[in-house]
Amino acid sequence: MEVFVASSAEELHGWAIIKMSQRSGPTVYKILERLADMEWVTARWEDKPSEPNKPRRRYYKLTGVGASRARILLNERRPDRIHVEPRLAFGGGSL
């Protein structure tokens, strides 16, 4: 969740999340699956690889609910690491 909230990118591909979080691939993908089941993230495959002979990337994006809940969760559990203002879905005002 920290990676999504701290990133300025709207979408992140799995490999970027792995590198930024410094977690193993299986750990990251298992968490992403759970977040998708909770409807905190959505996922999509890129149309075609950015480079020939490379596999397509899967991109992940926080939903409005996911962004709001992530900010609240991070403020509660890691107040010393990251402070983010809770916002309503779609970037509205404070909760």
C-alpha atoms as a PDB file:
ATOM      1  CA  MET A   1       0.000   0.000   0.000  1.00  0.00           C
ATOM      2  CA  GLU A   2       2.876   2.347   0.761  1.00  0.00           C
ATOM      3  CA  VAL A   3       4.176   1.942  -2.781  1.00  0.00           C
ATOM      4  CA  PHE A   4       0.850   2.950  -4.316  1.00  0.00           C
ATOM      5  CA  VAL A   5       0.324   5.908  -2.003  1.00  0.00           C
ATOM      6  CA  ALA A   6       3.904   7.175  -2.297  1.00  0.00           C
ATOM      7  CA  SER A   7       4.040   6.801  -6.082  1.00  0.00           C
ATOM      8  CA  SER A   8       3.066   9.638  -8.381  1.00  0.00           C
ATOM      9  CA  ALA A   9       2.127   7.111 -11.075  1.00  0.00           C
ATOM     10  CA  GLU A  10      -1.546   6.307 -11.533  1.00  0.00           C
ATOM     11  CA  GLU A  11      -0.769   2.681 -12.419  1.00  0.00           C
ATOM     12  CA  LEU A  12       2.154   0.460 -11.453  1.00  0.00           C
ATOM     13  CA  HIS A  13       3.208  -2.807 -13.025  1.00  0.00           C
ATOM     14  CA  GLY A  14       4.024  -5.796 -10.848  1.00  0.00           C
ATOM     15  CA  TRP A  15       7.782  -5.654 -11.322  1.00  0.00           C
ATOM     16  CA  ALA A  16       7.875  -1.970 -10.282  1.00  0.00           C
ATOM     17  CA  ILE A  17       5.918  -2.795  -7.130  1.00  0.00           C
ATOM     18  CA  ILE A  18       8.335  -5.624  -6.329  1.00  0.00           C
ATOM     19  CA  LYS A  19      11.371  -3.360  -6.778  1.00  0.00           C
ATOM     20  CA  MET A  20       9.898  -0.430  -4.841  1.00  0.00           C
ATOM     21  CA  SER A  21       8.622  -2.558  -1.958  1.00  0.00           C
ATOM     22  CA  GLN A  22      11.732  -4.746  -1.793  1.00  0.00           C
ATOM     23  CA  ARG A  23       9.499  -7.800  -1.329  1.00  0.00           C
ATOM     24  CA  SER A  24       9.560 -11.092  -3.204  1.00  0.00           C
ATOM     25  CA  GLY A  25       7.435 -11.603  -6.296  1.00  0.00           C
ATOM     26  CA  PRO A  26       5.213 -14.312  -4.786  1.00  0.00           C
ATOM     27  CA  THR A  27       4.554 -12.131  -1.722  1.00  0.00           C
ATOM     28  CA  VAL A  28       3.655  -9.067  -3.800  1.00  0.00           C
ATOM     29  CA  TYR A  29       1.416 -10.957  -6.217  1.00  0.00           C
ATOM     30  CA  LYS A  30      -0.426 -12.727  -3.386  1.00  0.00           C
ATOM     31  CA  ILE A  31      -1.105  -9.353  -1.740  1.00  0.00           C
ATOM     32  CA  LEU A  32      -2.220  -7.847  -5.054  1.00  0.00           C
ATOM     33  CA  GLU A  33      -4.663 -10.737  -5.517  1.00  0.00           C
ATOM     34  CA  ARG A  34      -6.132 -10.140  -2.068  1.00  0.00           C
ATOM     35  CA  LEU A  35      -6.402  -6.402  -2.713  1.00  0.00           C
ATOM     36  CA  ALA A  36      -8.174  -7.108  -6.011  1.00  0.00           C
ATOM     37  CA  ASP A  37     -10.598  -9.483  -4.229  1.00  0.00           C
ATOM     38  CA  MET A  38     -11.333  -6.667  -1.737  1.00  0.00           C
ATOM     39  CA  GLU A  39     -11.777  -4.264  -4.686  1.00  0.00           C
ATOM     40  CA  TRP A  40      -8.989  -2.000  -3.424  1.00  0.00           C
ATOM     41  CA  VAL A  41      -7.065  -2.398  -6.706  1.00  0.00           C
ATOM     42  CA  THR A  42      -7.918  -3.104 -10.299  1.00  0.00           C
ATOM     43  CA  ALA A  43      -5.626  -4.865 -12.739  1.00  0.00           C
ATOM     44  CA  ARG A  44      -5.227  -4.834 -16.494  1.00  0.00           C
ATOM     45  CA  TRP A  45      -2.824  -6.317 -19.024  1.00  0.00           C
ATOM     46  CA  GLU A  46      -1.009  -3.937 -21.339  1.00  0.00           C
ATOM     47  CA  ASP A  47      -2.129  -4.189 -24.957  1.00  0.00           C
ATOM     48  CA  LYS A  48       1.276  -5.197 -26.277  1.00  0.00           C
ATOM     49  CA  PRO A  49       4.773  -5.363 -24.778  1.00  0.00           C
ATOM     50  CA  SER A  50       6.746  -2.147 -24.692  1.00  0.00           C
ATOM     51  CA  GLU A  51       9.708  -3.981 -26.240  1.00  0.00           C
ATOM     52  CA  PRO A  52       9.834  -6.901 -28.680  1.00  0.00           C
ATOM     53  CA  ASN A  53      10.363 -10.336 -27.085  1.00  0.00           C
ATOM     54  CA  LYS A  54       9.220  -9.069 -23.672  1.00  0.00           C
ATOM     55  CA  PRO A  55       6.120 -10.380 -21.923  1.00  0.00           C
ATOM     56  CA  ARG A  56       3.121  -8.101 -21.474  1.00  0.00           C
ATOM     57  CA  ARG A  57       2.982  -6.286 -18.161  1.00  0.00           C
ATOM     58  CA  ARG A  58       0.081  -6.355 -15.760  1.00  0.00           C
ATOM     59  CA  TYR A  59      -0.738  -2.923 -14.359  1.00  0.00           C
ATOM     60  CA  TYR A  60      -2.372  -2.292 -11.000  1.00  0.00           C
ATOM     61  CA  LYS A  61      -4.258   0.780  -9.859  1.00  0.00           C
ATOM     62  CA  LEU A  62      -5.833   1.735  -6.544  1.00  0.00           C
ATOM     63  CA  THR A  63      -9.586   2.170  -6.679  1.00  0.00           C
ATOM     64  CA  GLY A  64     -11.189   5.161  -4.985  1.00  0.00           C
ATOM     65  CA  VAL A  65     -12.107   3.006  -1.991  1.00  0.00           C
ATOM     66  CA  GLY A  66      -8.650   1.411  -1.983  1.00  0.00           C
ATOM     67  CA  ALA A  67      -6.909   4.802  -1.985  1.00  0.00           C
ATOM     68  CA  SER A  68      -9.010   6.077   0.915  1.00  0.00           C
ATOM     69  CA  ARG A  69      -8.604   2.905   2.949  1.00  0.00           C
ATOM     70  CA  ALA A  70      -4.876   2.708   2.206  1.00  0.00           C
ATOM     71  CA  ARG A  71      -4.281   6.217   3.515  1.00  0.00           C
ATOM     72  CA  ILE A  72      -6.225   5.510   6.687  1.00  0.00           C
ATOM     73  CA  LEU A  73      -4.469   2.179   7.218  1.00  0.00           C
ATOM     74  CA  LEU A  74      -1.006   3.658   6.675  1.00  0.00           C
ATOM     75  CA  ASN A  75      -1.672   6.552   9.027  1.00  0.00           C
ATOM     76  CA  GLU A  76      -2.807   4.111  11.712  1.00  0.00           C
ATOM     77  CA  ARG A  77      -0.118   1.456  11.309  1.00  0.00           C
ATOM     78  CA  ARG A  78       2.929   3.392  10.173  1.00  0.00           C
ATOM     79  CA  PRO A  79       2.589   6.973  11.340  1.00  0.00           C
ATOM     80  CA  ASP A  80       6.360   7.360  11.635  1.00  0.00           C
ATOM     81  CA  ARG A  81       7.083   6.155   8.068  1.00  0.00           C
ATOM     82  CA  ILE A  82       4.546   7.930   5.927  1.00  0.00           C
ATOM     83  CA  HIS A  83       1.939  10.538   6.630  1.00  0.00           C
ATOM     84  CA  VAL A  84      -0.768  10.968   4.065  1.00  0.00           C
ATOM     85  CA  GLU A  85      -3.969  12.908   4.342  1.00  0.00           C
ATOM     86  CA  PRO A  86      -7.072  10.750   4.056  1.00  0.00           C
ATOM     87  CA  ARG A  87      -9.074  11.788   0.995  1.00  0.00           C
ATOM     88  CA  LEU A  88     -12.383  10.781  -0.377  1.00  0.00           C
ATOM     89  CA  ALA A  89     -12.493   8.588  -3.464  1.00  0.00           C
ATOM     90  CA  PHE A  90     -11.504  10.450  -6.618  1.00  0.00           C
ATOM     91  CA  GLY A  91      -9.276  12.898  -4.728  1.00  0.00           C
ATOM     92  CA  GLY A  92     -11.912  14.912  -2.888  1.00  0.00           C
ATOM     93  CA  GLY A  93     -11.465  16.638   0.466  1.00  0.00           C
ATOM     94  CA  SER A  94     -10.652  15.164   3.875  1.00  0.00           C
ATOM     95  CA  LEU A  95     -12.707  12.425   5.491  1.00  0.00           C
END
